[in-house]
Amino acid sequence: MKSLLLSLGAGLVAGLPSQHNVPRAIEELPTLGLANITKIDMATPSGLKHRALYGPFMGVDFPDPSLIYGDGSWKAYATSSNGKVIPVATSSDTLSWTLTTTDALPDPGSWVDPDDQSVWAPDVQKNDAGTYVMYYTAHQNGGNHCIGVATSATAVGPFTPQSSPLICDAAGGGVIDASGYDDGTDRWILWKVDGNSLGGLTTCQSGTPSGSYESTPIMIQKMARDAMTLEGTATTILDNEGASNDGVVEAPSLYQISSGEYVLFYSAHCYSSDDYDVEYAFSSTIDGSYTNRGILIRTADNKGVYGPGGLDIDPNGKNVVFHGRLAANEGGSGARELYSAELTISGTSISGV
């Protein structure tokens, strides 16, 4: 899902799908699977690490990871953790990673609430001019969560934030989880409208949920090739299905497979529960309605990963990163550590392997 950058204005209105596709029969679609799922064995900046067949042993949170190849090596970025606003890890092969001492975004921007400087789900792309652009979620001073943008001449930063957020949607509950995609002609941005923050019948709140499920649409909008200028209008491409996914879809990541179909990876259910998973859906057009939903990986697959989510994919469609917990998360606050895997595409059905 790397390759796009954006510049969105505040207060975007969620649109309806511009394309309504007839769902294809699942037997007509290729198989998507995950191979070589590896818990990352993270090296410390001093070079010390503990090798194991089944890590990760970095011993820290690295939630909502994103992946890009830049400046000669792979880079991974995560939600605020490890004493950094945006921590950065580097790798030569996406399997063995080093957690750097760098904070990629030490200043999240003047628009961010000074009492809440935490940043969620960063996503980094490189635009046509060679500038690295980061999308991130932060709490707007006096408002909801918005999506910001920051730029850097290097992949590790420090990134310089713009003075105002790119996307805000107070009526929808705020916006989170921006990601970029470049189809070779057009650049796009995807994000979630955070209807879960409005309450209702969702698992991601304390107490006993009540009311009805709120809409949490995944949106897409075209960007100019500079990756920082919004074009056209926003379109809804997916929404939650109520009880079947606990009223939550989020963390979108997009890829076009060789058959021409677009695959939208996303997470569903509450991020703090063991039901959190990585799912997928298909569309024949990039901004169409995504259908034929399925599950790529979940706790119940018995892969030793609890509550997997936040998957990101490299532009070549081979390497993916995602987070997961090492054990059942009864308390709701277990560390979400870094995993990698390879995406496999073949056959006529979908499964995580």
Protein backbone atom coordinates (compact mmCIF):
# COMPACT_ATOMS: atom_id res chain seq x y z
CA MET A 1 0.00 0.00 0.00
CA LYS A 2 2.83 2.32 -0.48
CA SER A 3 2.87 4.95 -3.10
CA LEU A 4 0.64 7.86 -2.71
CA LEU A 5 0.54 11.10 -0.99
CA LEU A 6 -2.08 13.59 -0.36
CA SER A 7 -3.21 16.93 0.64
CA LEU A 8 -6.72 16.93 1.93
CA GLY A 9 -8.82 19.72 3.27
CA ALA A 10 -10.74 19.59 6.52
CA GLY A 11 -14.35 18.56 6.66
CA LEU A 12 -14.53 16.13 3.71
CA VAL A 13 -17.97 14.70 3.14
CA ALA A 14 -18.25 10.94 2.72
CA GLY A 15 -19.49 10.10 -0.75
CA LEU A 16 -21.30 7.10 -2.14
CA PRO A 17 -19.46 4.52 -4.26
CA SER A 18 -18.90 5.81 -7.77
CA GLN A 19 -18.96 2.28 -9.12
CA HIS A 20 -21.35 -0.48 -8.06
CA ASN A 21 -19.86 -3.79 -9.11
CA VAL A 22 -21.65 -7.06 -9.46
CA PRO A 23 -19.89 -9.34 -6.92
CA ARG A 24 -17.91 -12.08 -8.58
CA ALA A 25 -18.32 -15.63 -7.38
CA ILE A 26 -15.59 -16.48 -4.91
CA GLU A 27 -14.52 -19.47 -7.01
CA GLU A 28 -13.56 -17.03 -9.78
CA LEU A 29 -11.17 -15.12 -7.55
CA PRO A 30 -7.52 -16.00 -6.87
CA THR A 31 -6.22 -17.36 -3.61
CA LEU A 32 -4.58 -14.97 -1.17
CA GLY A 33 -2.52 -16.46 1.62
CA LEU A 34 0.29 -15.64 4.03
CA ALA A 35 3.48 -17.68 4.02
CA ASN A 36 6.52 -17.60 6.30
CA ILE A 37 4.77 -15.73 9.09
CA THR A 38 7.61 -14.54 11.30
CA LYS A 39 7.56 -12.83 14.65
CA ILE A 40 10.27 -10.25 14.30
CA ASP A 41 13.50 -10.67 16.24
CA MET A 42 14.28 -7.01 16.82
CA ALA A 43 17.86 -5.89 17.30
CA THR A 44 18.62 -3.05 19.67
CA PRO A 45 20.51 0.01 18.43
CA SER A 46 23.66 -1.46 20.00
CA GLY A 47 23.38 -4.47 17.73
CA LEU A 48 22.44 -6.99 20.39
CA LYS A 49 19.61 -9.33 19.56
CA HIS A 50 18.20 -12.68 20.56
CA ARG A 51 17.80 -15.06 17.67
CA ALA A 52 14.82 -17.37 17.76
CA LEU A 53 12.79 -19.30 15.27
CA TYR A 54 9.61 -17.77 16.54
CA GLY A 55 10.07 -14.22 17.94
CA PRO A 56 9.48 -11.38 18.14
CA PHE A 57 11.62 -10.54 21.09
CA MET A 58 11.90 -6.81 20.79
CA GLY A 59 9.82 -6.70 23.94
CA VAL A 60 7.96 -3.52 23.03
CA ASP A 61 4.86 -2.34 21.25
CA PHE A 62 5.19 -1.71 17.53
CA PRO A 63 1.50 -1.34 16.61
CA ASP A 64 -0.07 -0.39 13.27
CA PRO A 65 3.13 -0.87 11.26
CA SER A 66 3.66 0.50 7.76
CA LEU A 67 6.34 -0.57 5.32
CA ILE A 68 8.42 1.18 2.65
CA TYR A 69 11.74 0.63 0.90
CA GLY A 70 13.69 3.86 0.97
CA ASP A 71 17.27 5.12 1.13
CA GLY A 72 18.71 1.66 0.60
CA SER A 73 16.79 -0.41 3.15
CA TRP A 74 13.32 -1.32 4.39
CA LYS A 75 11.75 1.00 6.92
CA ALA A 76 8.86 0.29 9.28
CA TYR A 77 6.96 2.94 11.23
CA ALA A 78 4.54 2.49 14.12
CA THR A 79 2.00 4.23 16.31
CA SER A 80 3.52 6.26 19.18
CA SER A 81 5.52 3.88 21.39
CA ASN A 82 9.05 3.22 22.63
CA GLY A 83 9.28 6.80 23.88
CA LYS A 84 8.89 8.17 20.35
CA VAL A 85 6.04 9.93 18.59
CA ILE A 86 6.80 7.75 15.55
CA PRO A 87 9.39 4.98 16.11
CA VAL A 88 11.34 3.66 13.13
CA ALA A 89 12.84 0.22 12.49
CA THR A 90 15.13 -0.72 9.59
CA SER A 91 15.81 -4.00 7.78
CA SER A 92 17.72 -5.32 4.79
CA ASP A 93 15.28 -8.19 4.18
CA THR A 94 11.99 -7.49 6.08
CA LEU A 95 12.84 -10.40 8.41
CA SER A 96 15.57 -9.11 10.73
CA TRP A 97 14.88 -5.61 12.03
CA THR A 98 16.74 -3.00 14.05
CA LEU A 99 14.81 -0.56 16.20
CA THR A 100 16.51 2.81 15.71
CA THR A 101 16.85 5.65 18.18
CA THR A 102 15.22 8.00 15.68
CA ASP A 103 11.88 9.72 16.20
CA ALA A 104 10.52 10.25 12.69
CA LEU A 105 8.01 12.88 13.84
CA PRO A 106 9.25 14.59 17.02
CA ASP A 107 6.86 17.49 16.38
CA PRO A 108 3.39 16.32 15.23
CA GLY A 109 2.34 19.85 14.31
CA SER A 110 0.82 23.05 15.68
CA TRP A 111 -2.71 21.79 14.97
CA VAL A 112 -2.32 18.84 17.35
CA ASP A 113 -3.73 19.00 20.89
CA PRO A 114 -0.78 20.00 23.14
CA ASP A 115 -2.13 17.71 25.86
CA ASP A 116 -2.31 14.70 23.53
CA GLN A 117 0.69 14.44 21.23
CA SER A 118 0.27 10.73 20.49
CA VAL A 119 0.11 9.75 16.84
CA TRP A 120 -1.56 6.71 15.29
CA ALA A 121 -0.97 4.55 12.24
CA PRO A 122 1.67 6.42 10.21
CA ASP A 123 1.98 5.66 6.50
CA VAL A 124 4.93 6.81 4.40
CA GLN A 125 5.27 7.12 0.63
CA LYS A 126 7.74 8.72 -1.75
CA ASN A 127 6.31 11.17 -4.24
CA ASP A 128 7.43 11.80 -7.82
CA ALA A 129 9.81 14.55 -6.72
CA GLY A 130 11.61 12.19 -4.35
CA THR A 131 10.09 13.65 -1.17
CA TYR A 132 8.95 11.27 1.55
CA VAL A 133 5.44 12.04 2.75
CA MET A 134 3.96 10.73 5.97
CA TYR A 135 0.24 10.49 6.75
CA TYR A 136 -0.67 10.15 10.39
CA THR A 137 -3.60 10.46 12.78
CA ALA A 138 -3.59 12.87 15.72
CA HIS A 139 -6.09 14.63 17.96
CA GLN A 140 -6.83 18.13 16.70
CA ASN A 141 -6.66 20.85 19.31
CA GLY A 142 -10.29 21.47 20.25
CA GLY A 143 -11.60 18.85 17.83
CA ASN A 144 -11.61 15.19 16.81
CA HIS A 145 -8.97 12.95 15.34
CA CYS A 146 -7.75 14.23 11.97
CA ILE A 147 -5.24 13.09 9.39
CA GLY A 148 -2.07 15.13 9.05
CA VAL A 149 0.78 15.15 6.58
CA ALA A 150 4.50 15.70 7.08
CA THR A 151 7.43 15.64 4.66
CA SER A 152 11.12 14.76 4.73
CA ALA A 153 14.03 14.47 2.33
CA THR A 154 14.96 11.14 3.92
CA ALA A 155 12.96 8.07 4.87
CA VAL A 156 13.80 8.28 8.58
CA GLY A 157 13.11 11.99 8.89
CA PRO A 158 12.67 13.96 10.97
CA PHE A 159 9.48 14.77 9.07
CA THR A 160 8.19 18.36 9.08
CA PRO A 161 4.41 18.61 9.63
CA GLN A 162 2.10 20.91 7.74
CA SER A 163 0.46 23.63 9.82
CA SER A 164 -3.07 22.28 9.45
CA PRO A 165 -4.64 18.82 9.12
CA LEU A 166 -5.40 17.31 5.74
CA ILE A 167 -8.67 15.55 6.51
CA CYS A 168 -11.17 16.08 9.31
CA ASP A 169 -14.76 14.89 9.66
CA ALA A 170 -16.24 15.95 12.98
CA ALA A 171 -19.78 14.92 12.03
CA GLY A 172 -18.61 11.39 11.26
CA GLY A 173 -16.64 11.08 14.50
CA GLY A 174 -13.22 12.03 13.15
CA VAL A 175 -10.89 10.26 10.71
CA ILE A 176 -8.06 7.77 11.27
CA ASP A 177 -5.82 5.22 9.52
CA ALA A 178 -4.77 6.98 6.32
CA SER A 179 -2.86 5.02 3.69
CA GLY A 180 -1.63 5.72 0.20
CA TYR A 181 -1.64 3.86 -3.10
CA ASP A 182 -0.17 4.56 -6.55
CA ASP A 183 -1.79 2.67 -9.46
CA GLY A 184 0.90 3.87 -11.87
CA THR A 185 -1.26 6.65 -13.25
CA ASP A 186 -3.11 8.10 -10.30
CA ARG A 187 -2.33 8.39 -6.64
CA TRP A 188 -4.99 7.71 -4.03
CA ILE A 189 -5.56 8.06 -0.31
CA LEU A 190 -7.69 5.78 1.85
CA TRP A 191 -8.90 6.36 5.40
CA LYS A 192 -11.53 5.38 7.97
CA VAL A 193 -14.30 7.67 9.18
CA ASP A 194 -14.29 6.91 12.91
CA GLY A 195 -17.97 6.38 13.65
CA ASN A 196 -16.93 4.18 16.57
CA SER A 197 -16.02 7.32 18.50
CA LEU A 198 -19.70 8.30 18.44
CA GLY A 199 -20.59 5.37 20.70
CA GLY A 200 -23.35 2.97 19.83
CA LEU A 201 -23.21 -0.80 19.79
CA THR A 202 -19.50 -1.39 19.37
CA THR A 203 -16.99 -3.51 21.28
CA CYS A 204 -14.40 -0.71 21.39
CA GLN A 205 -15.76 1.12 24.41
CA SER A 206 -15.89 0.55 28.14
CA GLY A 207 -19.02 -0.59 29.94
CA THR A 208 -21.92 -2.29 28.19
CA PRO A 209 -22.38 -1.08 24.59
CA SER A 210 -25.88 -0.03 23.68
CA GLY A 211 -27.75 1.58 20.81
CA SER A 212 -27.05 0.78 17.18
CA TYR A 213 -23.91 0.22 15.13
CA GLU A 214 -22.46 3.43 13.73
CA SER A 215 -21.16 3.68 10.18
CA THR A 216 -17.36 3.38 9.94
CA PRO A 217 -16.79 3.75 6.19
CA ILE A 218 -13.49 3.22 4.43
CA MET A 219 -13.04 6.13 2.04
CA ILE A 220 -10.89 6.64 -1.04
CA GLN A 221 -10.03 9.80 -2.97
CA LYS A 222 -7.77 10.58 -5.91
CA MET A 223 -4.60 12.62 -5.42
CA ALA A 224 -2.44 14.56 -7.84
CA ARG A 225 0.96 13.11 -8.76
CA ASP A 226 2.58 15.44 -6.24
CA ALA A 227 0.87 13.23 -3.63
CA MET A 228 -0.19 16.30 -1.70
CA THR A 229 -3.11 17.71 -3.67
CA LEU A 230 -6.57 16.25 -3.38
CA GLU A 231 -8.58 15.73 -6.57
CA GLY A 232 -12.20 14.79 -7.19
CA THR A 233 -14.48 13.67 -4.38
CA ALA A 234 -14.31 11.07 -1.64
CA THR A 235 -16.01 7.71 -2.22
CA THR A 236 -17.14 5.04 0.25
CA ILE A 237 -15.75 1.64 -0.75
CA LEU A 238 -16.52 -0.48 2.35
CA ASP A 239 -18.40 -0.26 5.65
CA ASN A 240 -18.85 -2.49 8.66
CA GLU A 241 -21.53 -5.19 8.64
CA GLY A 242 -22.75 -4.73 12.20
CA ALA A 243 -22.68 -7.76 14.45
CA SER A 244 -20.55 -9.90 12.13
CA ASN A 245 -17.54 -7.64 12.65
CA ASP A 246 -18.65 -5.84 15.83
CA GLY A 247 -19.29 -2.64 13.91
CA VAL A 248 -15.61 -2.02 13.12
CA VAL A 249 -13.61 -1.88 9.89
CA GLU A 250 -10.35 0.10 9.76
CA ALA A 251 -6.65 0.10 8.76
CA PRO A 252 -7.14 -0.10 4.95
CA SER A 253 -4.34 -1.18 2.63
CA LEU A 254 -4.72 -1.58 -1.14
CA TYR A 255 -3.07 -3.72 -3.81
CA GLN A 256 -3.88 -4.70 -7.42
CA ILE A 257 -3.27 -8.35 -8.26
CA SER A 258 -2.23 -9.62 -11.69
CA SER A 259 -5.78 -10.57 -12.63
CA GLY A 260 -6.65 -6.89 -12.50
CA GLU A 261 -8.75 -7.12 -9.34
CA TYR A 262 -8.09 -4.68 -6.54
CA VAL A 263 -7.76 -6.19 -3.08
CA LEU A 264 -8.58 -4.11 -0.03
CA PHE A 265 -6.97 -5.44 3.15
CA TYR A 266 -8.48 -4.13 6.37
CA SER A 267 -8.92 -5.01 10.03
CA ALA A 268 -12.25 -5.71 11.75
CA HIS A 269 -13.58 -6.08 15.31
CA CYS A 270 -12.08 -4.17 18.25
CA TYR A 271 -8.31 -3.65 18.19
CA SER A 272 -7.97 -4.61 21.87
CA SER A 273 -9.78 -7.95 21.54
CA ASP A 274 -8.56 -11.32 20.33
CA ASP A 275 -11.26 -11.16 17.65
CA TYR A 276 -9.28 -8.45 15.83
CA ASP A 277 -8.19 -9.82 12.47
CA VAL A 278 -7.01 -9.07 8.94
CA GLU A 279 -9.71 -9.36 6.29
CA TYR A 280 -9.95 -8.61 2.57
CA ALA A 281 -12.46 -7.71 -0.13
CA PHE A 282 -12.32 -7.40 -3.94
CA SER A 283 -13.35 -4.83 -6.53
CA SER A 284 -12.83 -4.65 -10.30
CA THR A 285 -12.40 -0.85 -10.02
CA ILE A 286 -10.23 0.96 -7.52
CA ASP A 287 -12.99 3.19 -6.18
CA GLY A 288 -15.81 0.70 -6.52
CA SER A 289 -17.73 -1.21 -3.88
CA TYR A 290 -15.52 -3.96 -2.39
CA THR A 291 -17.27 -7.32 -2.00
CA ASN A 292 -16.55 -11.05 -1.50
CA ARG A 293 -15.14 -10.44 1.96
CA GLY A 294 -13.00 -13.00 3.70
CA ILE A 295 -10.49 -13.47 6.52
CA LEU A 296 -6.75 -13.60 5.87
CA ILE A 297 -5.49 -14.24 9.41
CA ARG A 298 -7.10 -14.33 12.85
CA THR A 299 -6.44 -15.66 16.34
CA ALA A 300 -8.53 -18.77 15.67
CA ASP A 301 -6.10 -19.87 12.93
CA ASN A 302 -3.76 -21.10 15.70
CA LYS A 303 -0.65 -19.50 14.20
CA GLY A 304 0.52 -18.24 17.58
CA VAL A 305 -0.63 -14.71 16.74
CA TYR A 306 -3.36 -13.14 18.88
CA GLY A 307 -5.46 -10.29 17.52
CA PRO A 308 -3.48 -9.75 14.28
CA GLY A 309 -4.20 -6.47 12.52
CA GLY A 310 -2.95 -3.32 10.86
CA LEU A 311 -1.50 -5.07 7.79
CA ASP A 312 0.55 -3.10 5.27
CA ILE A 313 1.90 -4.38 1.97
CA ASP A 314 4.88 -3.29 -0.10
CA PRO A 315 4.26 -1.95 -3.65
CA ASN A 316 5.46 -5.21 -5.22
CA GLY A 317 2.78 -7.21 -3.43
CA LYS A 318 5.17 -9.64 -1.76
CA ASN A 319 6.10 -8.50 1.73
CA VAL A 320 3.58 -7.58 4.40
CA VAL A 321 3.91 -6.42 7.99
CA PHE A 322 1.25 -6.45 10.68
CA HIS A 323 1.02 -6.45 14.45
CA GLY A 324 -0.10 -9.16 16.85
CA ARG A 325 0.10 -10.19 20.47
CA LEU A 326 2.06 -13.07 21.94
CA ALA A 327 -0.76 -14.36 24.13
CA ALA A 328 -4.48 -13.96 24.72
CA ASN A 329 -5.28 -10.38 25.62
CA GLU A 330 -7.65 -10.71 28.54
CA GLY A 331 -6.72 -7.33 29.99
CA GLY A 332 -6.97 -5.48 26.68
CA SER A 333 -3.54 -3.86 26.90
CA GLY A 334 -1.01 -6.47 25.76
CA ALA A 335 1.88 -5.35 23.57
CA ARG A 336 1.23 -5.48 19.84
CA GLU A 337 4.49 -6.66 18.31
CA LEU A 338 5.81 -6.65 14.76
CA TYR A 339 5.26 -9.61 12.41
CA SER A 340 6.19 -10.08 8.77
CA ALA A 341 4.99 -12.53 6.12
CA GLU A 342 4.89 -13.07 2.38
CA LEU A 343 1.69 -12.72 0.41
CA THR A 344 0.94 -15.68 -1.85
CA ILE A 345 -1.52 -15.45 -4.75
CA SER A 346 -2.87 -18.50 -6.57
CA GLY A 347 -5.86 -20.81 -6.85
CA THR A 348 -9.51 -20.00 -6.39
CA SER A 349 -10.11 -19.33 -2.71
CA ILE A 350 -8.63 -17.27 0.10
CA SER A 351 -7.00 -18.34 3.33
CA GLY A 352 -4.22 -17.39 5.73
CA VAL A 353 -1.59 -20.12 5.91
